[in-house]
């Protein structure tokens, strides 16, 4: 159990092959979109995410796993901390890189649509 915060929470990591920020989806896949991540709504759910993180590291899928708190104000998970919001969005100095460089039609990762 994390003990650092209360649910809801999601599991984030870095892809071992690309270095990209990824999130564990309910399907068990690692995805780039925090909105698609599996949400832990209670302490047992957080413990499950932590166990899944350990397994994924052992399999060599990801590194630097961390269960992070999220808000669900917009219906989708969005990180509550500044560091994790930046990781979800991409570089702050180059708007043409990272997740924020997506087309204008896909706004699932912007602070405006996430209530940030």
Protein backbone atom coordinates (compact mmCIF):
# COMPACT_ATOMS: atom_id res chain seq x y z
CA UNK A 1 0.00 0.00 0.00
CA UNK A 2 1.29 3.43 -0.86
CA UNK A 3 0.13 5.29 2.25
CA UNK A 4 1.06 8.57 0.57
CA UNK A 5 -2.41 9.57 -0.62
CA UNK A 6 -6.01 8.47 -0.93
CA UNK A 7 -7.55 6.88 -4.02
CA UNK A 8 -8.34 7.31 -6.84
CA UNK A 9 -4.97 6.44 -8.33
CA UNK A 10 -3.37 5.04 -11.48
CA UNK A 11 -0.10 3.28 -12.31
CA UNK A 12 2.48 5.10 -14.41
CA UNK A 13 5.92 4.06 -15.63
CA UNK A 14 8.40 4.54 -18.44
CA UNK A 15 8.49 2.11 -21.34
CA UNK A 16 11.71 0.15 -21.24
CA UNK A 17 11.98 0.12 -25.04
CA UNK A 18 11.08 3.75 -25.84
CA UNK A 19 11.43 5.65 -22.57
CA UNK A 20 7.94 7.11 -23.11
CA UNK A 21 5.62 7.80 -20.19
CA UNK A 22 2.99 5.05 -20.06
CA UNK A 23 0.00 4.10 -17.93
CA UNK A 24 -1.45 0.68 -17.17
CA UNK A 25 -4.84 0.25 -18.86
CA UNK A 26 -7.60 -2.03 -17.60
CA UNK A 27 -6.74 -4.36 -20.50
CA UNK A 28 -3.28 -4.90 -19.01
CA UNK A 29 -1.60 -2.99 -21.83
CA UNK A 30 0.68 -0.01 -21.29
CA UNK A 31 -0.80 3.06 -23.00
CA UNK A 32 0.33 6.66 -23.53
CA UNK A 33 -3.03 8.22 -22.62
CA UNK A 34 -3.63 8.71 -18.89
CA UNK A 35 -7.38 8.90 -19.62
CA UNK A 36 -7.27 5.23 -20.66
CA UNK A 37 -5.55 4.05 -17.48
CA UNK A 38 -6.93 1.57 -14.97
CA UNK A 39 -8.20 3.38 -11.88
CA UNK A 40 -7.78 2.15 -8.32
CA UNK A 41 -10.74 3.38 -6.28
CA UNK A 42 -9.64 1.98 -2.91
CA UNK A 43 -6.60 0.78 -0.95
CA UNK A 44 -6.89 -2.84 -2.18
CA UNK A 45 -6.98 -1.47 -5.73
CA UNK A 46 -3.77 0.47 -5.07
CA UNK A 47 -2.15 -2.68 -3.68
CA UNK A 48 -3.18 -4.54 -6.86
CA UNK A 49 -1.59 -1.82 -9.03
CA UNK A 50 1.61 -2.04 -7.00
CA UNK A 51 1.70 -5.84 -7.50
CA UNK A 52 1.11 -5.41 -11.25
CA UNK A 53 3.92 -2.86 -11.34
CA UNK A 54 6.34 -5.31 -9.76
CA UNK A 55 5.39 -8.00 -12.28
CA UNK A 56 5.80 -5.63 -15.24
CA UNK A 57 9.28 -4.61 -14.07
CA UNK A 58 10.29 -8.27 -13.68
CA UNK A 59 9.06 -8.97 -17.24
CA UNK A 60 11.15 -6.08 -18.55
CA UNK A 61 8.20 -4.09 -19.89
CA UNK A 62 8.66 -0.89 -17.89
CA UNK A 63 10.87 0.90 -15.38
CA UNK A 64 10.30 3.59 -12.76
CA UNK A 65 6.78 2.47 -11.85
CA UNK A 66 4.74 4.66 -9.54
CA UNK A 67 1.16 4.72 -8.34
CA UNK A 68 0.00 8.33 -8.57
CA UNK A 69 -3.09 10.14 -7.30
CA UNK A 70 -5.58 11.37 -9.88
CA UNK A 71 -8.74 13.40 -9.95
CA UNK A 72 -11.87 12.24 -11.77
CA UNK A 73 -13.57 15.63 -12.03
CA UNK A 74 -13.87 15.41 -15.82
CA UNK A 75 -14.88 11.75 -15.85
CA UNK A 76 -11.38 10.60 -16.82
CA UNK A 77 -8.33 10.30 -14.61
CA UNK A 78 -5.98 13.29 -14.58
CA UNK A 79 -2.86 13.59 -12.38
CA UNK A 80 -3.14 15.88 -9.37
CA UNK A 81 0.54 16.80 -9.07
CA UNK A 82 2.43 19.20 -11.31
CA UNK A 83 5.20 16.71 -12.09
CA UNK A 84 2.75 14.06 -13.23
CA UNK A 85 0.69 16.57 -15.23
CA UNK A 86 3.86 17.54 -17.11
CA UNK A 87 4.68 13.86 -17.68
CA UNK A 88 1.14 13.35 -19.04
CA UNK A 89 1.33 16.37 -21.35
CA UNK A 90 4.91 16.21 -22.57
CA UNK A 91 7.74 18.75 -22.66
CA UNK A 92 6.90 22.24 -21.44
CA UNK A 93 9.44 24.00 -23.64
CA UNK A 94 8.57 22.38 -26.96
CA UNK A 95 4.84 22.32 -27.67
CA UNK A 96 5.54 20.47 -30.93
CA UNK A 97 6.70 17.39 -28.99
CA UNK A 98 5.01 14.96 -26.64
CA UNK A 99 1.34 14.37 -26.10
CA UNK A 100 0.44 18.06 -26.43
CA UNK A 101 1.51 17.89 -30.08
CA UNK A 102 -1.53 15.78 -30.96
CA UNK A 103 -3.99 17.14 -33.42
CA UNK A 104 -6.46 19.74 -32.20
CA UNK A 105 -9.24 17.19 -32.62
CA UNK A 106 -7.82 15.05 -29.81
CA UNK A 107 -8.00 17.13 -26.64
CA UNK A 108 -8.12 14.36 -24.02
CA UNK A 109 -4.73 15.36 -22.59
CA UNK A 110 -5.08 19.11 -22.20
CA UNK A 111 -5.39 20.87 -18.85
CA UNK A 112 -8.42 22.74 -20.14
CA UNK A 113 -10.37 19.54 -20.75
CA UNK A 114 -9.03 17.92 -17.62
CA UNK A 115 -10.12 20.70 -15.29
CA UNK A 116 -6.56 21.62 -14.37
